[in-house]
C-alpha atoms as a PDB file:
ATOM      1  CA  MET A   1      44.019 -32.576 -31.003  1.00  0.00           C
ATOM      2  CA  ASP A   2      43.724 -28.900 -31.853  1.00  0.00           C
ATOM      3  CA  CYS A   3      46.740 -26.819 -30.817  1.00  0.00           C
ATOM      4  CA  ASN A   4      44.477 -24.030 -29.594  1.00  0.00           C
ATOM      5  CA  PHE A   5      42.805 -26.474 -27.194  1.00  0.00           C
ATOM      6  CA  THR A   6      46.045 -27.733 -25.647  1.00  0.00           C
ATOM      7  CA  PHE A   7      47.576 -24.255 -25.625  1.00  0.00           C
ATOM      8  CA  ALA A   8      44.521 -22.792 -23.869  1.00  0.00           C
ATOM      9  CA  LEU A   9      44.565 -25.577 -21.287  1.00  0.00           C
ATOM     10  CA  GLU A  10      48.281 -25.104 -20.632  1.00  0.00           C
ATOM     11  CA  LEU A  11      47.908 -21.336 -20.545  1.00  0.00           C
ATOM     12  CA  GLY A  12      44.851 -21.443 -18.297  1.00  0.00           C
ATOM     13  CA  ILE A  13      45.837 -24.205 -15.893  1.00  0.00           C
ATOM     14  CA  VAL A  14      49.521 -25.013 -15.897  1.00  0.00           C
ATOM     15  CA  THR A  15      51.303 -21.777 -16.597  1.00  0.00           C
ATOM     16  CA  PRO A  16      49.795 -19.020 -14.413  1.00  0.00           C
ATOM     17  CA  ARG A  17      48.437 -21.278 -11.649  1.00  0.00           C
ATOM     18  CA  LEU A  18      51.250 -23.783 -11.071  1.00  0.00           C
ATOM     19  CA  GLU A  19      54.381 -22.163 -12.400  1.00  0.00           C
ATOM     20  CA  PRO A  20      54.985 -19.837  -9.429  1.00  0.00           C
ATOM     21  CA  TYR A  21      55.016 -22.880  -7.149  1.00  0.00           C
ATOM     22  CA  PHE A  22      56.311 -25.627  -9.435  1.00  0.00           C
ATOM     23  CA  ARG A  23      58.365 -25.569 -12.551  1.00  0.00           C
ATOM     24  CA  VAL A  24      56.912 -26.774 -15.830  1.00  0.00           C
ATOM     25  CA  ALA A  25      57.761 -30.416 -16.502  1.00  0.00           C
ATOM     26  CA  LYS A  26      60.568 -31.144 -18.884  1.00  0.00           C
ATOM     27  CA  CYS A  27      60.920 -34.076 -21.264  1.00  0.00           C
ATOM     28  CA  GLN A  28      60.442 -37.487 -19.588  1.00  0.00           C
ATOM     29  CA  GLU A  29      59.000 -35.909 -16.407  1.00  0.00           C
ATOM     30  CA  ALA A  30      55.437 -36.289 -15.166  1.00  0.00           C
ATOM     31  CA  ASN A  31      53.402 -33.205 -15.972  1.00  0.00           C
ATOM     32  CA  PRO A  32      51.038 -32.341 -13.071  1.00  0.00           C
ATOM     33  CA  GLY A  33      48.877 -30.333 -15.462  1.00  0.00           C
ATOM     34  CA  VAL A  34      47.504 -33.523 -17.016  1.00  0.00           C
ATOM     35  CA  TYR A  35      46.218 -34.751 -13.661  1.00  0.00           C
ATOM     36  CA  THR A  36      44.943 -31.301 -12.728  1.00  0.00           C
ATOM     37  CA  ILE A  37      42.979 -30.993 -15.972  1.00  0.00           C
ATOM     38  CA  ILE A  38      40.947 -34.085 -15.016  1.00  0.00           C
ATOM     39  CA  THR A  39      40.821 -33.997 -11.212  1.00  0.00           C
ATOM     40  CA  PHE A  40      39.946 -30.314 -10.786  1.00  0.00           C
ATOM     41  CA  PRO A  41      36.734 -30.459 -12.881  1.00  0.00           C
ATOM     42  CA  PHE A  42      35.762 -33.734 -11.218  1.00  0.00           C
ATOM     43  CA  LEU A  43      36.232 -32.355  -7.695  1.00  0.00           C
ATOM     44  CA  PHE A  44      34.318 -29.231  -8.734  1.00  0.00           C
ATOM     45  CA  ALA A  45      31.469 -31.431  -9.946  1.00  0.00           C
ATOM     46  CA  ILE A  46      31.363 -33.364  -6.690  1.00  0.00           C
ATOM     47  CA  MET A  47      30.717 -30.059  -4.905  1.00  0.00           C
ATOM     48  CA  PHE A  48      28.491 -28.607  -7.655  1.00  0.00           C
ATOM     49  CA  GLY A  49      26.496 -31.626  -8.812  1.00  0.00           C
ATOM     50  CA  ASP A  50      23.455 -30.113 -10.507  1.00  0.00           C
ATOM     51  CA  TRP A  51      22.642 -30.944 -14.094  1.00  0.00           C
ATOM     52  CA  GLY A  52      20.475 -27.870 -14.655  1.00  0.00           C
ATOM     53  CA  HIS A  53      23.222 -25.464 -13.602  1.00  0.00           C
ATOM     54  CA  GLY A  54      25.754 -27.636 -15.431  1.00  0.00           C
ATOM     55  CA  ILE A  55      23.865 -27.136 -18.693  1.00  0.00           C
ATOM     56  CA  CYS A  56      23.914 -23.358 -18.180  1.00  0.00           C
ATOM     57  CA  ILE A  57      27.675 -23.403 -17.570  1.00  0.00           C
ATOM     58  CA  LEU A  58      28.171 -25.659 -20.596  1.00  0.00           C
ATOM     59  CA  LEU A  59      26.218 -23.309 -22.870  1.00  0.00           C
ATOM     60  CA  ALA A  60      28.147 -20.266 -21.646  1.00  0.00           C
ATOM     61  CA  SER A  61      31.517 -21.937 -22.133  1.00  0.00           C
ATOM     62  CA  LEU A  62      30.538 -23.278 -25.567  1.00  0.00           C
ATOM     63  CA  TYR A  63      29.576 -19.727 -26.526  1.00  0.00           C
ATOM     64  CA  PHE A  64      33.116 -18.622 -25.624  1.00  0.00           C
ATOM     65  CA  ILE A  65      34.588 -21.438 -27.718  1.00  0.00           C
ATOM     66  CA  ILE A  66      32.387 -20.630 -30.730  1.00  0.00           C
ATOM     67  CA  ARG A  67      33.280 -16.917 -30.488  1.00  0.00           C
ATOM     68  CA  GLU A  68      36.942 -17.643 -29.770  1.00  0.00           C
ATOM     69  CA  LYS A  69      38.388 -15.659 -32.692  1.00  0.00           C
ATOM     70  CA  LYS A  70      36.225 -12.631 -31.958  1.00  0.00           C
ATOM     71  CA  TYR A  71      36.968 -12.486 -28.231  1.00  0.00           C
ATOM     72  CA  SER A  72      40.680 -13.300 -28.509  1.00  0.00           C
ATOM     73  CA  SER A  73      41.254 -10.070 -30.449  1.00  0.00           C
ATOM     74  CA  GLN A  74      39.199  -7.884 -28.089  1.00  0.00           C
ATOM     75  CA  LYS A  75      40.036  -6.254 -24.786  1.00  0.00           C
ATOM     76  CA  LEU A  76      37.807  -7.932 -22.202  1.00  0.00           C
ATOM     77  CA  GLY A  77      37.172  -7.023 -18.589  1.00  0.00           C
ATOM     78  CA  ASP A  78      38.968  -8.846 -15.790  1.00  0.00           C
ATOM     79  CA  ILE A  79      36.267 -11.403 -15.066  1.00  0.00           C
ATOM     80  CA  MET A  80      35.405 -11.975 -18.730  1.00  0.00           C
ATOM     81  CA  GLN A  81      39.094 -12.397 -19.558  1.00  0.00           C
ATOM     82  CA  MET A  82      39.451 -14.977 -16.787  1.00  0.00           C
ATOM     83  CA  ALA A  83      36.341 -16.917 -17.932  1.00  0.00           C
ATOM     84  CA  PHE A  84      37.447 -16.726 -21.565  1.00  0.00           C
ATOM     85  CA  GLY A  85      40.931 -17.953 -20.718  1.00  0.00           C
ATOM     86  CA  GLU A  86      39.525 -20.926 -18.837  1.00  0.00           C
ATOM     87  CA  ARG A  87      36.836 -21.804 -21.416  1.00  0.00           C
ATOM     88  CA  TYR A  88      38.025 -25.361 -22.109  1.00  0.00           C
ATOM     89  CA  ILE A  89      38.382 -26.315 -18.456  1.00  0.00           C
ATOM     90  CA  ILE A  90      34.945 -24.784 -17.778  1.00  0.00           C
ATOM     91  CA  VAL A  91      33.483 -27.084 -20.462  1.00  0.00           C
ATOM     92  CA  MET A  92      34.950 -30.063 -18.628  1.00  0.00           C
ATOM     93  CA  MET A  93      33.664 -28.727 -15.304  1.00  0.00           C
ATOM     94  CA  ALA A  94      30.181 -28.413 -16.815  1.00  0.00           C
ATOM     95  CA  ILE A  95      30.231 -31.928 -18.282  1.00  0.00           C
ATOM     96  CA  PHE A  96      31.332 -33.449 -14.970  1.00  0.00           C
ATOM     97  CA  SER A  97      28.731 -31.335 -13.152  1.00  0.00           C
ATOM     98  CA  ILE A  98      25.960 -32.590 -15.435  1.00  0.00           C
ATOM     99  CA  TYR A  99      27.124 -36.162 -14.811  1.00  0.00           C
ATOM    100  CA  THR A 100      27.198 -35.823 -11.022  1.00  0.00           C
ATOM    101  CA  GLY A 101      23.912 -33.907 -11.121  1.00  0.00           C
ATOM    102  CA  PHE A 102      22.278 -36.948 -12.689  1.00  0.00           C
ATOM    103  CA  ILE A 103      23.740 -39.119  -9.954  1.00  0.00           C
ATOM    104  CA  TYR A 104      22.587 -36.687  -7.235  1.00  0.00           C
ATOM    105  CA  ASN A 105      19.133 -36.286  -8.860  1.00  0.00           C
ATOM    106  CA  GLU A 106      19.466 -32.486  -8.727  1.00  0.00           C
ATOM    107  CA  PHE A 107      18.031 -30.097 -11.313  1.00  0.00           C
ATOM    108  CA  PHE A 108      18.387 -26.414 -10.353  1.00  0.00           C
ATOM    109  CA  SER A 109      18.578 -27.473  -6.677  1.00  0.00           C
ATOM    110  CA  ILE A 110      15.278 -29.337  -6.883  1.00  0.00           C
ATOM    111  CA  PRO A 111      15.215 -33.132  -6.505  1.00  0.00           C
ATOM    112  CA  PHE A 112      14.493 -34.649  -9.894  1.00  0.00           C
ATOM    113  CA  ALA A 113      13.845 -38.384  -9.667  1.00  0.00           C
ATOM    114  CA  ILE A 114      15.179 -39.962 -12.844  1.00  0.00           C
ATOM    115  CA  PHE A 115      16.755 -43.148 -11.501  1.00  0.00           C
ATOM    116  CA  ALA A 116      15.262 -43.264  -7.985  1.00  0.00           C
ATOM    117  CA  PRO A 117      13.506 -40.944  -5.540  1.00  0.00           C
ATOM    118  CA  SER A 118      15.617 -38.247  -3.964  1.00  0.00           C
ATOM    119  CA  ALA A 119      17.626 -39.047  -0.854  1.00  0.00           C
ATOM    120  CA  TYR A 120      16.249 -35.924   0.816  1.00  0.00           C
ATOM    121  CA  ALA A 121      12.729 -37.288   1.278  1.00  0.00           C
ATOM    122  CA  CYS A 122      11.378 -40.376   2.961  1.00  0.00           C
ATOM    123  CA  ARG A 123      11.414 -43.111   0.337  1.00  0.00           C
ATOM    124  CA  ASP A 124       8.645 -45.143   1.926  1.00  0.00           C
ATOM    125  CA  PRO A 125       5.589 -43.230   3.162  1.00  0.00           C
ATOM    126  CA  SER A 126       4.578 -46.061   5.481  1.00  0.00           C
ATOM    127  CA  CYS A 127       8.085 -46.136   6.986  1.00  0.00           C
ATOM    128  CA  ARG A 128       8.199 -49.919   7.165  1.00  0.00           C
ATOM    129  CA  TRP A 129      11.747 -49.825   8.525  1.00  0.00           C
ATOM    130  CA  LEU A 130      10.686 -48.061  11.701  1.00  0.00           C
ATOM    131  CA  SER A 131      12.916 -49.050  14.576  1.00  0.00           C
ATOM    132  CA  ILE A 132      11.310 -49.272  18.014  1.00  0.00           C
ATOM    133  CA  GLU A 133      14.610 -49.230  19.879  1.00  0.00           C
ATOM    134  CA  LYS A 134      15.693 -46.026  18.082  1.00  0.00           C
ATOM    135  CA  GLN A 135      12.254 -44.447  18.650  1.00  0.00           C
ATOM    136  CA  GLN A 136      11.970 -43.649  14.970  1.00  0.00           C
ATOM    137  CA  PHE A 137       8.886 -41.826  13.677  1.00  0.00           C
ATOM    138  CA  HIS A 138       7.647 -40.253  10.475  1.00  0.00           C
ATOM    139  CA  CYS A 139       6.699 -36.546  10.452  1.00  0.00           C
ATOM    140  CA  ASP A 140       3.882 -36.123   7.935  1.00  0.00           C
ATOM    141  CA  ASP A 141       4.439 -32.352   7.697  1.00  0.00           C
ATOM    142  CA  CYS A 142       8.157 -32.650   6.864  1.00  0.00           C
ATOM    143  CA  GLY A 143       7.936 -35.944   5.000  1.00  0.00           C
ATOM    144  CA  ILE A 144      11.072 -37.123   6.804  1.00  0.00           C
ATOM    145  CA  CYS A 145      11.695 -40.012   9.185  1.00  0.00           C
ATOM    146  CA  ARG A 146      13.285 -38.884  12.431  1.00  0.00           C
ATOM    147  CA  VAL A 147      14.956 -40.707  15.308  1.00  0.00           C
ATOM    148  CA  GLY A 148      14.463 -39.921  18.979  1.00  0.00           C
ATOM    149  CA  GLY A 149      10.774 -40.277  19.766  1.00  0.00           C
ATOM    150  CA  GLN A 150       7.903 -38.167  18.530  1.00  0.00           C
ATOM    151  CA  GLU A 151       7.247 -36.774  22.013  1.00  0.00           C
ATOM    152  CA  ASN A 152      10.725 -35.148  21.957  1.00  0.00           C
ATOM    153  CA  TYR A 153      10.047 -33.132  18.785  1.00  0.00           C
ATOM    154  CA  PHE A 154       7.568 -30.541  17.586  1.00  0.00           C
ATOM    155  CA  HIS A 155       6.846 -29.357  14.055  1.00  0.00           C
ATOM    156  CA  CYS A 156       7.029 -25.582  13.486  1.00  0.00           C
ATOM    157  CA  GLU A 157       4.499 -24.650  10.807  1.00  0.00           C
ATOM    158  CA  LYS A 158       6.255 -21.346  10.115  1.00  0.00           C
ATOM    159  CA  CYS A 159       9.633 -22.995   9.423  1.00  0.00           C
ATOM    160  CA  GLY A 160       8.287 -26.220   7.982  1.00  0.00           C
ATOM    161  CA  SER A 161      10.765 -28.224  10.059  1.00  0.00           C
ATOM    162  CA  CYS A 162      10.929 -30.322  13.224  1.00  0.00           C
ATOM    163  CA  TYR A 163      12.862 -29.183  16.305  1.00  0.00           C
ATOM    164  CA  SER A 164      13.572 -30.523  19.747  1.00  0.00           C
ATOM    165  CA  VAL A 165      10.940 -29.614  22.355  1.00  0.00           C
ATOM    166  CA  THR A 166      13.670 -27.789  24.282  1.00  0.00           C
ATOM    167  CA  LEU A 167      13.706 -25.227  21.449  1.00  0.00           C
ATOM    168  CA  ARG A 168       9.933 -24.725  21.302  1.00  0.00           C
ATOM    169  CA  ASP A 169       9.970 -21.165  22.664  1.00  0.00           C
ATOM    170  CA  ASN A 170      13.423 -19.985  21.638  1.00  0.00           C
ATOM    171  CA  HIS A 171      14.333 -21.349  18.189  1.00  0.00           C
ATOM    172  CA  VAL A 172      15.219 -18.917  15.412  1.00  0.00           C
ATOM    173  CA  CYS A 173      12.453 -19.356  12.902  1.00  0.00           C
ATOM    174  CA  GLY A 174      13.693 -19.402   9.311  1.00  0.00           C
ATOM    175  CA  GLU A 175      10.553 -19.116   7.224  1.00  0.00           C
ATOM    176  CA  LEU A 176      12.178 -19.598   3.836  1.00  0.00           C
ATOM    177  CA  HIS A 177      14.863 -22.169   4.577  1.00  0.00           C
ATOM    178  CA  ARG A 178      12.493 -25.059   4.066  1.00  0.00           C
ATOM    179  CA  HIS A 179       9.867 -23.843   1.607  1.00  0.00           C
ATOM    180  CA  VAL A 180       9.890 -26.923  -0.631  1.00  0.00           C
ATOM    181  CA  HIS A 181       8.237 -30.037   0.815  1.00  0.00           C
ATOM    182  CA  TYR A 182       9.151 -33.290  -0.906  1.00  0.00           C
END
């Protein structure tokens, strides 16, 4: 493995982040940096699972890696210096984010059905799993199955969402929070 790669990972992850709180592992000791290098990008990707945004992050971090010699000799601003110093871990974050984005079916925050329909919309338009005891119903305007009886809900056309009838006259109407109908 390239020494610049391991040095940049140790410099970016282990040294400035962990050293004030833990000492650097010595010979025959477990190095927490190895686990951090894998678990941190994976946990990031669980929160940021979107393969469209992941591709953008991957391209930006690959640009830093390609221009490594040029940028390492220049004085960069604070944020650029931080992003440049973390370029290898950002590549791993982007790869994990692309992977989880495929699992989540998310492309730039829009459901993108590659393997199956999105979990955010009703998968069966006829709602064949309607439960009478739960008073389940399908709202055609939202495209979502709801529980609790249709007489207890109303659909606000301005918001594009269903609310309890107790909120009919006093709900805060968010016009743009539900502008995409699945």
